[in-house]
Amino acid sequence: MKRKIRSNGYTEEAVWENLNQNLPIYCLSDSVIPQYAWEDGKPTDKIVAYKAGFTQEGAEYFQVKFPKEVKLPKYLSMVNFDNITAYQTRYDVYFKADGVKEVK
């Protein structure tokens, strides 16, 4: 997929340039992965965020970062995100959201 390079940080617009707003998103993780702070080139014991994996038809596997630990729905559940945004670099897209919930 061709990506437009933007330098204005995380935006909701960047999410929908990389995902299809009309297709469901599925949870591929059964637990969140803690992300640790680094100091002097070494990891510390301080957890700064959590990540989990998701997918959508026609899109590559992607991870979403959460500021606090979230309870993930069951594996392969259809999900929606609270306040999802994305940041695009030349080759990568980074997603973050405040929360995730199962679509019933």
Protein backbone atom coordinates (compact mmCIF):
# COMPACT_ATOMS: atom_id res chain seq x y z
CA MET A 1 0.00 0.00 0.00
CA LYS A 2 1.27 3.47 -0.81
CA ARG A 3 1.65 5.65 2.28
CA LYS A 4 1.58 9.41 2.46
CA ILE A 5 4.30 10.79 4.70
CA ARG A 6 3.06 13.12 7.39
CA SER A 7 5.00 14.82 10.14
CA ASN A 8 2.19 16.02 12.39
CA GLY A 9 2.16 13.10 14.86
CA TYR A 10 -0.68 10.74 15.70
CA THR A 11 -3.97 11.38 13.85
CA GLU A 12 -7.23 9.53 13.29
CA GLU A 13 -6.93 10.30 9.57
CA ALA A 14 -3.76 8.18 9.40
CA VAL A 15 -5.70 5.19 10.77
CA TRP A 16 -8.19 5.16 7.91
CA GLU A 17 -5.49 5.75 5.29
CA ASN A 18 -4.07 2.37 6.33
CA LEU A 19 -7.19 0.42 7.34
CA ASN A 20 -10.63 0.12 5.76
CA GLN A 21 -13.25 1.83 7.93
CA ASN A 22 -15.99 -0.42 6.45
CA LEU A 23 -14.37 -3.79 7.28
CA PRO A 24 -14.22 -5.47 10.70
CA ILE A 25 -11.02 -5.65 12.75
CA TYR A 26 -10.20 -8.89 14.61
CA CYS A 27 -8.18 -9.48 17.77
CA LEU A 28 -5.21 -11.83 17.28
CA SER A 29 -3.78 -11.64 20.82
CA ASP A 30 -4.97 -13.45 23.90
CA SER A 31 -2.99 -11.22 26.26
CA VAL A 32 -1.29 -7.82 26.17
CA ILE A 33 2.49 -7.48 25.97
CA PRO A 34 4.06 -4.98 28.39
CA GLN A 35 6.40 -2.36 26.92
CA TYR A 36 9.23 -1.32 29.24
CA ALA A 37 11.03 2.01 29.57
CA TRP A 38 14.69 2.12 28.54
CA GLU A 39 17.46 4.08 30.25
CA ASP A 40 21.08 4.26 29.11
CA GLY A 41 20.37 1.72 26.38
CA LYS A 42 18.99 -0.89 28.81
CA PRO A 43 15.43 -1.92 29.71
CA THR A 44 14.10 -1.04 33.15
CA ASP A 45 11.34 -2.66 35.22
CA LYS A 46 9.00 0.29 34.57
CA ILE A 47 6.05 -0.56 32.29
CA VAL A 48 5.11 2.41 30.07
CA ALA A 49 2.48 0.82 27.78
CA TYR A 50 0.93 -2.42 26.57
CA LYS A 51 0.57 -3.81 23.04
CA ALA A 52 -1.70 -6.34 21.36
CA GLY A 53 -2.06 -7.63 17.79
CA PHE A 54 -4.98 -7.21 15.39
CA THR A 55 -5.82 -7.81 11.73
CA GLN A 56 -8.28 -6.84 9.04
CA GLU A 57 -9.00 -8.37 5.64
CA GLY A 58 -6.65 -6.85 3.09
CA ALA A 59 -4.34 -5.35 5.74
CA GLU A 60 -1.17 -6.64 7.33
CA TYR A 61 -1.02 -7.73 10.98
CA PHE A 62 -0.67 -4.63 13.15
CA GLN A 63 -0.12 -3.85 16.82
CA VAL A 64 -1.94 -1.25 18.86
CA LYS A 65 -0.35 0.37 21.90
CA PHE A 66 -2.47 1.10 24.98
CA PRO A 67 -1.43 3.48 27.81
CA LYS A 68 -2.78 1.11 30.48
CA GLU A 69 -3.46 -2.60 30.66
CA VAL A 70 -6.69 -3.54 28.85
CA LYS A 71 -8.79 -6.68 28.98
CA LEU A 72 -8.75 -8.19 25.51
CA PRO A 73 -11.77 -9.97 24.05
CA LYS A 74 -11.47 -13.61 23.02
CA TYR A 75 -9.12 -14.60 20.19
CA LEU A 76 -10.55 -13.69 16.74
CA SER A 77 -13.30 -11.51 18.22
CA MET A 78 -14.42 -8.53 16.17
CA VAL A 79 -13.36 -5.31 17.95
CA ASN A 80 -13.68 -1.53 18.04
CA PHE A 81 -11.18 0.88 19.56
CA ASP A 82 -11.61 3.89 21.84
CA ASN A 83 -9.85 6.94 20.36
CA ILE A 84 -7.59 5.10 17.92
CA THR A 85 -4.90 7.17 16.21
CA ALA A 86 -1.89 6.35 14.04
CA TYR A 87 1.51 7.81 13.23
CA GLN A 88 3.06 7.19 9.81
CA THR A 89 6.74 7.10 8.99
CA ARG A 90 8.19 6.36 5.61
CA TYR A 91 7.94 2.57 6.05
CA ASP A 92 5.87 1.96 9.20
CA VAL A 93 2.57 2.85 10.82
CA TYR A 94 2.21 2.93 14.61
CA PHE A 95 -1.24 2.68 16.17
CA LYS A 96 -2.35 3.64 19.67
CA ALA A 97 -5.74 3.65 21.38
CA ASP A 98 -7.22 4.27 24.82
CA GLY A 99 -9.12 0.98 24.90
CA VAL A 100 -10.62 -1.92 22.97
CA LYS A 101 -14.01 -3.61 23.15
CA GLU A 102 -15.67 -6.56 21.48
CA VAL A 103 -18.34 -5.87 18.84
CA LYS A 104 -21.35 -8.08 19.41
